[in-house]
Amino acid sequence: MLEREKHSMEFEDSDNFVLHRQRSYQDNAYEKLNLSAFSGAVPVPKNEVSFEDLKLEVDNVKVIYSQNTVKQSLRKALRGQAKRKMLHMKPEATVEEIMSELDDNFGNVASIDTMLSKFLMAEQEQNETISEWGLRIEELLLHVTRKTRLDEHEKKDMLRKRFWRGLRNEELKNATRVHFESKLTYEELKIKLREEEFEIQISKDRGKQKCSRVHQSALNAKDEGDELLKQLIRKIEDLEKKVDDFKNERNLESGDHRNRDTSRHRGGSRGHGRGNHYVPYNRSKNEASNRQMTERSTGTSENNNHLNV
């Protein structure tokens, strides 16, 4: 297929054909290359990147794509003030010249001492994973190396020390102390830390699940206890109601007995009263008769005595 294309285009030699293919690949690469948007606004808007991130991105694609492809993609990526600055430059400006001009206007103006101090004082933030923490200090050190020259060994050693010493989790730090002191490389130490972080997270998840089960069991036990308490309260209320009903029945029965006793007592009193009235009347009549007989006897005796005299 390539031979047919070569002959059809009637190139004089294979070098011209290879050049043609390279340009075709570059054109296709240009269509696929999209740099992140950058406007230079502060704070960095959503869906945009900082100048340092854009600079790093351009440095990486320069070794893959052609100068023209990178420049055209950069023109498409710039917005706002950054795009206006590029439009003021000559059309034939190279990628390096464009990035240098942007660096003068939007680059980091902090001194080397300031950036180095920021790197050495950096610490892992809360809820920041090991991978995120590693990427952050790598970027901080990258800013330092752009201001001063550091060899690769010195750079890796600085990363390794700051990476471990800046850990926030003391449990993770103590678990990996032996790896740090064994002079592992930065990459090896990061792998060990990620493995340990994974194990610690699994243990925490298991603990949370266990606590969740215990909590659920406690809730279930509480619900069962509440239900038993409600049943007990209902039984006590039913018992109190039965006791009240029983007392009411006893009170009614006692009232009926008292009424019957009162009726019998009233009837007996009337009969007894008439008997008492009759007996004293006869006794008085007898006593009156006896007194009359006594008086007669006394009178007769007195008369006889008078006659004898």
Foldseek 3Di string as FASTA:
>chain_A
DLVVVCVVVPDPDVVVVVVVVVVVVLVVVLVVDAAFADELDPPDDPSHDALLVRVVVLVVCPVPHPFVSSVVNVCVRYDHPLNVQVVPDDPPDTPVRSSVSVCVVRNDPDDLVVLVVCLQPDADDPPQDLVNLLVVSVSSVVVNCVRDPDDPVRSFVSSLVSSLVRYPDVVLSVVCVVVSVVPDTSVVSSVVSNVVVVVVVVVVVVVVVVVVVVVVVVVVVVVVVVVVVVVVVVVVVVVVVVVVVVVVVVVVVVVVVVVVVVVVVVVVVVVVVVVVVVVVVVVVVVVVVVVVVVVVVVVVVVVVVVVVD
